[in-house]
């Protein structure tokens, strides 16, 4: 599990997410924070692309939990 709680640019999110990609685990959870729901969806799209391009040793299932500070709510997305 990786958590990025500061409202960050996608480059900062990717830095932490790449650490998660390298972990050998069947289930991986990434919790992050952005301002708007659109930012959450942009981040999810970018993280999905990272998963698709990473050459993993084993298959994993991802749960992406994006917190929108504007809406004060989570958006959950499953990959894999």
PDB file of N, CA and C in Angstrom:
ATOM      1  N   UNK A   1       0.850  -1.174   0.000  1.00  0.00           N
ATOM      2  CA  UNK A   1       0.000   0.000   0.000  1.00  0.00           C
ATOM      3  C   UNK A   1       0.891   1.232   0.000  1.00  0.00           C
ATOM      4  N   UNK A   2       0.487   2.220  -0.782  1.00  0.00           N
ATOM      5  CA  UNK A   2       1.174   3.507  -0.821  1.00  0.00           C
ATOM      6  C   UNK A   2       0.133   4.601  -0.626  1.00  0.00           C
ATOM      7  N   UNK A   3       0.529   5.647   0.088  1.00  0.00           N
ATOM      8  CA  UNK A   3      -0.360   6.770   0.337  1.00  0.00           C
ATOM      9  C   UNK A   3       0.380   8.066   0.021  1.00  0.00           C
ATOM     10  N   UNK A   4      -0.256   8.919  -0.758  1.00  0.00           N
ATOM     11  CA  UNK A   4       0.261  10.252  -1.047  1.00  0.00           C
ATOM     12  C   UNK A   4      -0.832  11.236  -0.633  1.00  0.00           C
ATOM     13  N   UNK A   5      -0.645  11.899   0.521  1.00  0.00           N
ATOM     14  CA  UNK A   5      -1.718  12.726   1.072  1.00  0.00           C
ATOM     15  C   UNK A   5      -1.618  14.199   0.706  1.00  0.00           C
ATOM     16  N   UNK A   6      -0.484  14.647   0.223  1.00  0.00           N
ATOM     17  CA  UNK A   6      -0.407  16.049  -0.179  1.00  0.00           C
ATOM     18  C   UNK A   6      -1.018  16.194  -1.575  1.00  0.00           C
ATOM     19  N   UNK A   7      -1.658  17.321  -1.826  1.00  0.00           N
ATOM     20  CA  UNK A   7      -2.201  17.572  -3.163  1.00  0.00           C
ATOM     21  C   UNK A   7      -1.022  17.741  -4.096  1.00  0.00           C
ATOM     22  N   UNK A   8      -0.793  16.752  -4.922  1.00  0.00           N
ATOM     23  CA  UNK A   8       0.432  16.709  -5.703  1.00  0.00           C
ATOM     24  C   UNK A   8       0.164  16.741  -7.191  1.00  0.00           C
ATOM     25  N   UNK A   9       1.222  17.066  -7.894  1.00  0.00           N
ATOM     26  CA  UNK A   9       1.201  16.929  -9.344  1.00  0.00           C
ATOM     27  C   UNK A   9       1.274  15.448  -9.668  1.00  0.00           C
ATOM     28  N   UNK A  10       0.894  15.107 -10.873  1.00  0.00           N
ATOM     29  CA  UNK A  10       0.898  13.696 -11.279  1.00  0.00           C
ATOM     30  C   UNK A  10       2.306  13.106 -11.195  1.00  0.00           C
ATOM     31  N   UNK A  11       3.339  13.909 -11.408  1.00  0.00           N
ATOM     32  CA  UNK A  11       4.708  13.386 -11.321  1.00  0.00           C
ATOM     33  C   UNK A  11       5.024  12.887  -9.911  1.00  0.00           C
ATOM     34  N   UNK A  12       4.527  13.583  -8.901  1.00  0.00           N
ATOM     35  CA  UNK A  12       4.735  13.132  -7.516  1.00  0.00           C
ATOM     36  C   UNK A  12       3.950  11.864  -7.229  1.00  0.00           C
ATOM     37  N   UNK A  13       2.736  11.798  -7.757  1.00  0.00           N
ATOM     38  CA  UNK A  13       1.929  10.585  -7.578  1.00  0.00           C
ATOM     39  C   UNK A  13       2.605   9.398  -8.241  1.00  0.00           C
ATOM     40  N   UNK A  14       3.116   9.613  -9.449  1.00  0.00           N
ATOM     41  CA  UNK A  14       3.777   8.517 -10.171  1.00  0.00           C
ATOM     42  C   UNK A  14       5.003   8.013  -9.429  1.00  0.00           C
ATOM     43  N   UNK A  15       5.745   8.911  -8.794  1.00  0.00           N
ATOM     44  CA  UNK A  15       6.931   8.508  -8.036  1.00  0.00           C
ATOM     45  C   UNK A  15       6.550   7.485  -6.967  1.00  0.00           C
ATOM     46  N   UNK A  16       5.514   7.781  -6.193  1.00  0.00           N
ATOM     47  CA  UNK A  16       5.072   6.847  -5.154  1.00  0.00           C
ATOM     48  C   UNK A  16       4.428   5.607  -5.755  1.00  0.00           C
ATOM     49  N   UNK A  17       3.684   5.779  -6.828  1.00  0.00           N
ATOM     50  CA  UNK A  17       3.015   4.638  -7.450  1.00  0.00           C
ATOM     51  C   UNK A  17       4.025   3.651  -8.025  1.00  0.00           C
ATOM     52  N   UNK A  18       5.138   4.144  -8.552  1.00  0.00           N
ATOM     53  CA  UNK A  18       6.158   3.244  -9.102  1.00  0.00           C
ATOM     54  C   UNK A  18       6.740   2.337  -8.022  1.00  0.00           C
ATOM     55  N   UNK A  19       6.827   2.835  -6.796  1.00  0.00           N
ATOM     56  CA  UNK A  19       7.285   1.973  -5.696  1.00  0.00           C
ATOM     57  C   UNK A  19       6.303   0.825  -5.499  1.00  0.00           C
ATOM     58  N   UNK A  20       5.026   1.119  -5.631  1.00  0.00           N
ATOM     59  CA  UNK A  20       3.996   0.096  -5.478  1.00  0.00           C
ATOM     60  C   UNK A  20       4.061  -0.925  -6.615  1.00  0.00           C
ATOM     61  N   UNK A  21       4.328  -0.449  -7.813  1.00  0.00           N
ATOM     62  CA  UNK A  21       4.433  -1.358  -8.954  1.00  0.00           C
ATOM     63  C   UNK A  21       5.518  -2.414  -8.744  1.00  0.00           C
ATOM     64  N   UNK A  22       6.590  -2.035  -8.077  1.00  0.00           N
ATOM     65  CA  UNK A  22       7.724  -2.941  -7.881  1.00  0.00           C
ATOM     66  C   UNK A  22       7.483  -3.997  -6.811  1.00  0.00           C
ATOM     67  N   UNK A  23       6.479  -3.805  -5.996  1.00  0.00           N
ATOM     68  CA  UNK A  23       6.190  -4.758  -4.921  1.00  0.00           C
ATOM     69  C   UNK A  23       5.584  -6.040  -5.488  1.00  0.00           C
ATOM     70  N   UNK A  24       6.006  -7.165  -4.962  1.00  0.00           N
ATOM     71  CA  UNK A  24       5.438  -8.454  -5.365  1.00  0.00           C
ATOM     72  C   UNK A  24       4.265  -8.774  -4.450  1.00  0.00           C
ATOM     73  N   UNK A  25       3.080  -8.449  -4.918  1.00  0.00           N
ATOM     74  CA  UNK A  25       1.883  -8.678  -4.124  1.00  0.00           C
ATOM     75  C   UNK A  25       0.706  -8.872  -5.068  1.00  0.00           C
ATOM     76  N   UNK A  26      -0.208  -9.734  -4.659  1.00  0.00           N
ATOM     77  CA  UNK A  26      -1.390  -9.971  -5.481  1.00  0.00           C
ATOM     78  C   UNK A  26      -2.325  -8.757  -5.455  1.00  0.00           C
ATOM     79  N   UNK A  27      -2.390  -8.080  -4.313  1.00  0.00           N
ATOM     80  CA  UNK A  27      -3.261  -6.918  -4.155  1.00  0.00           C
ATOM     81  C   UNK A  27      -2.426  -5.699  -3.811  1.00  0.00           C
ATOM     82  N   UNK A  28      -2.721  -4.583  -4.483  1.00  0.00           N
ATOM     83  CA  UNK A  28      -1.997  -3.336  -4.251  1.00  0.00           C
ATOM     84  C   UNK A  28      -3.012  -2.202  -4.124  1.00  0.00           C
ATOM     85  N   UNK A  29      -2.805  -1.353  -3.115  1.00  0.00           N
ATOM     86  CA  UNK A  29      -3.721  -0.246  -2.847  1.00  0.00           C
ATOM     87  C   UNK A  29      -2.930   1.057  -2.914  1.00  0.00           C
ATOM     88  N   UNK A  30      -3.485   2.032  -3.635  1.00  0.00           N
ATOM     89  CA  UNK A  30      -2.865   3.353  -3.733  1.00  0.00           C
ATOM     90  C   UNK A  30      -3.902   4.402  -3.370  1.00  0.00           C
ATOM     91  N   UNK A  31      -3.605   5.187  -2.330  1.00  0.00           N
ATOM     92  CA  UNK A  31      -4.491   6.249  -1.865  1.00  0.00           C
ATOM     93  C   UNK A  31      -3.801   7.572  -2.169  1.00  0.00           C
ATOM     94  N   UNK A  32      -4.536   8.464  -2.824  1.00  0.00           N
ATOM     95  CA  UNK A  32      -3.944   9.751  -3.189  1.00  0.00           C
ATOM     96  C   UNK A  32      -4.982  10.853  -3.105  1.00  0.00           C
ATOM     97  N   UNK A  33      -4.502  12.096  -3.164  1.00  0.00           N
ATOM     98  CA  UNK A  33      -5.368  13.251  -2.999  1.00  0.00           C
ATOM     99  C   UNK A  33      -5.125  14.242  -4.129  1.00  0.00           C
ATOM    100  N   UNK A  34      -6.203  14.750  -4.696  1.00  0.00           N
ATOM    101  CA  UNK A  34      -6.138  15.829  -5.677  1.00  0.00           C
ATOM    102  C   UNK A  34      -7.241  16.824  -5.351  1.00  0.00           C
ATOM    103  N   UNK A  35      -7.291  17.896  -6.107  1.00  0.00           N
ATOM    104  CA  UNK A  35      -8.300  18.913  -5.807  1.00  0.00           C
ATOM    105  C   UNK A  35      -9.677  18.526  -6.336  1.00  0.00           C
ATOM    106  N   UNK A  36      -9.788  18.250  -7.616  1.00  0.00           N
ATOM    107  CA  UNK A  36     -11.096  18.017  -8.221  1.00  0.00           C
ATOM    108  C   UNK A  36     -11.289  16.563  -8.629  1.00  0.00           C
ATOM    109  N   UNK A  37     -12.529  16.202  -8.900  1.00  0.00           N
ATOM    110  CA  UNK A  37     -12.829  14.858  -9.394  1.00  0.00           C
ATOM    111  C   UNK A  37     -12.186  14.651 -10.756  1.00  0.00           C
ATOM    112  N   UNK A  38     -12.128  15.698 -11.571  1.00  0.00           N
ATOM    113  CA  UNK A  38     -11.462  15.599 -12.876  1.00  0.00           C
ATOM    114  C   UNK A  38      -9.977  15.287 -12.699  1.00  0.00           C
ATOM    115  N   UNK A  39      -9.351  15.875 -11.676  1.00  0.00           N
ATOM    116  CA  UNK A  39      -7.943  15.577 -11.383  1.00  0.00           C
ATOM    117  C   UNK A  39      -7.774  14.117 -10.963  1.00  0.00           C
ATOM    118  N   UNK A  40      -8.726  13.618 -10.182  1.00  0.00           N
ATOM    119  CA  UNK A  40      -8.691  12.208  -9.764  1.00  0.00           C
ATOM    120  C   UNK A  40      -8.751  11.314 -11.004  1.00  0.00           C
ATOM    121  N   UNK A  41      -9.677  11.613 -11.906  1.00  0.00           N
ATOM    122  CA  UNK A  41      -9.835  10.792 -13.114  1.00  0.00           C
ATOM    123  C   UNK A  41      -8.610  10.873 -14.019  1.00  0.00           C
ATOM    124  N   UNK A  42      -7.993  12.053 -14.113  1.00  0.00           N
ATOM    125  CA  UNK A  42      -6.750  12.189 -14.886  1.00  0.00           C
ATOM    126  C   UNK A  42      -5.641  11.340 -14.271  1.00  0.00           C
ATOM    127  N   UNK A  43      -5.551  11.376 -12.941  1.00  0.00           N
ATOM    128  CA  UNK A  43      -4.532  10.581 -12.252  1.00  0.00           C
ATOM    129  C   UNK A  43      -4.771   9.091 -12.475  1.00  0.00           C
ATOM    130  N   UNK A  44      -6.017   8.655 -12.362  1.00  0.00           N
ATOM    131  CA  UNK A  44      -6.349   7.242 -12.579  1.00  0.00           C
ATOM    132  C   UNK A  44      -5.949   6.818 -13.986  1.00  0.00           C
ATOM    133  N   UNK A  45      -6.223   7.643 -14.965  1.00  0.00           N
ATOM    134  CA  UNK A  45      -5.846   7.331 -16.346  1.00  0.00           C
ATOM    135  C   UNK A  45      -4.332   7.180 -16.489  1.00  0.00           C
ATOM    136  N   UNK A  46      -3.595   8.085 -15.886  1.00  0.00           N
ATOM    137  CA  UNK A  46      -2.127   8.031 -15.940  1.00  0.00           C
ATOM    138  C   UNK A  46      -1.596   6.800 -15.210  1.00  0.00           C
ATOM    139  N   UNK A  47      -2.168   6.490 -14.050  1.00  0.00           N
ATOM    140  CA  UNK A  47      -1.719   5.326 -13.277  1.00  0.00           C
ATOM    141  C   UNK A  47      -2.061   4.031 -14.008  1.00  0.00           C
ATOM    142  N   UNK A  48      -3.202   3.994 -14.668  1.00  0.00           N
ATOM    143  CA  UNK A  48      -3.578   2.823 -15.459  1.00  0.00           C
ATOM    144  C   UNK A  48      -2.569   2.588 -16.576  1.00  0.00           C
ATOM    145  N   UNK A  49      -2.143   3.653 -17.231  1.00  0.00           N
ATOM    146  CA  UNK A  49      -1.129   3.540 -18.281  1.00  0.00           C
ATOM    147  C   UNK A  49       0.182   3.008 -17.705  1.00  0.00           C
ATOM    148  N   UNK A  50       0.542   3.459 -16.515  1.00  0.00           N
ATOM    149  CA  UNK A  50       1.768   2.976 -15.862  1.00  0.00           C
ATOM    150  C   UNK A  50       1.680   1.475 -15.596  1.00  0.00           C
ATOM    151  N   UNK A  51       0.522   1.007 -15.138  1.00  0.00           N
ATOM    152  CA  UNK A  51       0.328  -0.432 -14.883  1.00  0.00           C
ATOM    153  C   UNK A  51       0.472  -1.222 -16.189  1.00  0.00           C
ATOM    154  N   UNK A  52      -0.127  -0.711 -17.251  1.00  0.00           N
ATOM    155  CA  UNK A  52      -0.100  -1.406 -18.538  1.00  0.00           C
ATOM    156  C   UNK A  52       1.307  -1.506 -19.113  1.00  0.00           C
ATOM    157  N   UNK A  53       2.163  -0.532 -18.808  1.00  0.00           N
ATOM    158  CA  UNK A  53       3.514  -0.517 -19.366  1.00  0.00           C
ATOM    159  C   UNK A  53       4.570  -1.169 -18.471  1.00  0.00           C
ATOM    160  N   UNK A  54       4.214  -1.433 -17.220  1.00  0.00           N
ATOM    161  CA  UNK A  54       5.180  -2.030 -16.299  1.00  0.00           C
ATOM    162  C   UNK A  54       5.231  -3.541 -16.510  1.00  0.00           C
ATOM    163  N   UNK A  55       6.432  -4.082 -16.601  1.00  0.00           N
ATOM    164  CA  UNK A  55       6.609  -5.521 -16.799  1.00  0.00           C
ATOM    165  C   UNK A  55       6.717  -6.187 -15.428  1.00  0.00           C
ATOM    166  N   UNK A  56       5.581  -6.634 -14.931  1.00  0.00           N
ATOM    167  CA  UNK A  56       5.506  -7.232 -13.605  1.00  0.00           C
ATOM    168  C   UNK A  56       5.875  -8.709 -13.644  1.00  0.00           C
ATOM    169  N   UNK A  57       6.403  -9.212 -12.524  1.00  0.00           N
ATOM    170  CA  UNK A  57       6.735 -10.630 -12.403  1.00  0.00           C
ATOM    171  C   UNK A  57       5.487 -11.477 -12.227  1.00  0.00           C
ATOM    172  N   UNK A  58       4.438 -10.893 -11.641  1.00  0.00           N
ATOM    173  CA  UNK A  58       3.198 -11.628 -11.419  1.00  0.00           C
ATOM    174  C   UNK A  58       2.013 -10.667 -11.545  1.00  0.00           C
ATOM    175  N   UNK A  59       0.863 -11.226 -11.814  1.00  0.00           N
ATOM    176  CA  UNK A  59      -0.342 -10.418 -11.969  1.00  0.00           C
ATOM    177  C   UNK A  59      -0.762  -9.826 -10.623  1.00  0.00           C
ATOM    178  N   UNK A  60      -1.275  -8.617 -10.661  1.00  0.00           N
ATOM    179  CA  UNK A  60      -1.732  -7.944  -9.451  1.00  0.00           C
ATOM    180  C   UNK A  60      -3.071  -7.268  -9.706  1.00  0.00           C
ATOM    181  N   UNK A  61      -3.815  -7.098  -8.634  1.00  0.00           N
ATOM    182  CA  UNK A  61      -5.055  -6.336  -8.683  1.00  0.00           C
ATOM    183  C   UNK A  61      -4.822  -5.043  -7.917  1.00  0.00           C
ATOM    184  N   UNK A  62      -5.260  -3.933  -8.486  1.00  0.00           N
ATOM    185  CA  UNK A  62      -5.039  -2.617  -7.902  1.00  0.00           C
ATOM    186  C   UNK A  62      -6.355  -1.998  -7.466  1.00  0.00           C
ATOM    187  N   UNK A  63      -6.318  -1.335  -6.324  1.00  0.00           N
ATOM    188  CA  UNK A  63      -7.416  -0.482  -5.897  1.00  0.00           C
ATOM    189  C   UNK A  63      -6.842   0.922  -5.765  1.00  0.00           C
ATOM    190  N   UNK A  64      -7.339   1.836  -6.598  1.00  0.00           N
ATOM    191  CA  UNK A  64      -6.910   3.228  -6.561  1.00  0.00           C
ATOM    192  C   UNK A  64      -7.990   4.024  -5.838  1.00  0.00           C
ATOM    193  N   UNK A  65      -7.602   4.740  -4.799  1.00  0.00           N
ATOM    194  CA  UNK A  65      -8.537   5.505  -3.976  1.00  0.00           C
ATOM    195  C   UNK A  65      -8.151   6.978  -4.063  1.00  0.00           C
ATOM    196  N   UNK A  66      -8.901   7.737  -4.858  1.00  0.00           N
ATOM    197  CA  UNK A  66      -8.590   9.145  -5.051  1.00  0.00           C
ATOM    198  C   UNK A  66      -9.512  10.037  -4.239  1.00  0.00           C
ATOM    199  N   UNK A  67      -8.931  10.857  -3.388  1.00  0.00           N
ATOM    200  CA  UNK A  67      -9.692  11.786  -2.556  1.00  0.00           C
ATOM    201  C   UNK A  67      -9.720  13.148  -3.250  1.00  0.00           C
ATOM    202  N   UNK A  68     -10.911  13.676  -3.485  1.00  0.00           N
ATOM    203  CA  UNK A  68     -11.086  15.014  -4.035  1.00  0.00           C
ATOM    204  C   UNK A  68     -11.295  15.981  -2.875  1.00  0.00           C
ATOM    205  N   UNK A  69     -10.378  16.932  -2.712  1.00  0.00           N
ATOM    206  CA  UNK A  69     -10.534  17.900  -1.618  1.00  0.00           C
ATOM    207  C   UNK A  69     -11.686  18.856  -1.894  1.00  0.00           C
ATOM    208  N   UNK A  70     -12.012  19.036  -3.158  1.00  0.00           N
ATOM    209  CA  UNK A  70     -13.136  19.909  -3.499  1.00  0.00           C
ATOM    210  C   UNK A  70     -14.475  19.286  -3.104  1.00  0.00           C
ATOM    211  N   UNK A  71     -14.608  17.976  -3.318  1.00  0.00           N
ATOM    212  CA  UNK A  71     -15.854  17.279  -3.006  1.00  0.00           C
ATOM    213  C   UNK A  71     -15.864  16.648  -1.615  1.00  0.00           C
ATOM    214  N   UNK A  72     -14.684  16.520  -1.011  1.00  0.00           N
ATOM    215  CA  UNK A  72     -14.539  15.820   0.270  1.00  0.00           C
ATOM    216  C   UNK A  72     -15.083  14.401   0.194  1.00  0.00           C
ATOM    217  N   UNK A  73     -14.670  13.693  -0.850  1.00  0.00           N
ATOM    218  CA  UNK A  73     -15.089  12.295  -0.989  1.00  0.00           C
ATOM    219  C   UNK A  73     -14.072  11.512  -1.812  1.00  0.00           C
ATOM    220  N   UNK A  74     -14.112  10.189  -1.596  1.00  0.00           N
ATOM    221  CA  UNK A  74     -13.259   9.283  -2.340  1.00  0.00           C
ATOM    222  C   UNK A  74     -13.931   8.837  -3.638  1.00  0.00           C
ATOM    223  N   UNK A  75     -13.087   8.512  -4.582  1.00  0.00           N
ATOM    224  CA  UNK A  75     -13.504   7.837  -5.816  1.00  0.00           C
ATOM    225  C   UNK A  75     -12.646   6.585  -5.902  1.00  0.00           C
ATOM    226  N   UNK A  76     -13.274   5.418  -6.078  1.00  0.00           N
ATOM    227  CA  UNK A  76     -12.562   4.138  -6.076  1.00  0.00           C
ATOM    228  C   UNK A  76     -12.526   3.554  -7.486  1.00  0.00           C
ATOM    229  N   UNK A  77     -11.351   3.026  -7.838  1.00  0.00           N
ATOM    230  CA  UNK A  77     -11.164   2.463  -9.177  1.00  0.00           C
ATOM    231  C   UNK A  77     -10.349   1.174  -9.062  1.00  0.00           C
ATOM    232  N   UNK A  78     -10.829   0.127  -9.702  1.00  0.00           N
ATOM    233  CA  UNK A  78     -10.136  -1.159  -9.691  1.00  0.00           C
ATOM    234  C   UNK A  78      -9.438  -1.368 -11.030  1.00  0.00           C
ATOM    235  N   UNK A  79      -8.231  -1.906 -10.967  1.00  0.00           N
ATOM    236  CA  UNK A  79      -7.483  -2.279 -12.176  1.00  0.00           C
ATOM    237  C   UNK A  79      -7.001  -3.711 -12.026  1.00  0.00           C
ATOM    238  N   UNK A  80      -6.944  -4.403 -13.136  1.00  0.00           N
ATOM    239  CA  UNK A  80      -6.410  -5.759 -13.121  1.00  0.00           C
ATOM    240  C   UNK A  80      -7.362  -6.777 -12.848  1.00  0.00           C
TER     241      UNK A  80
END
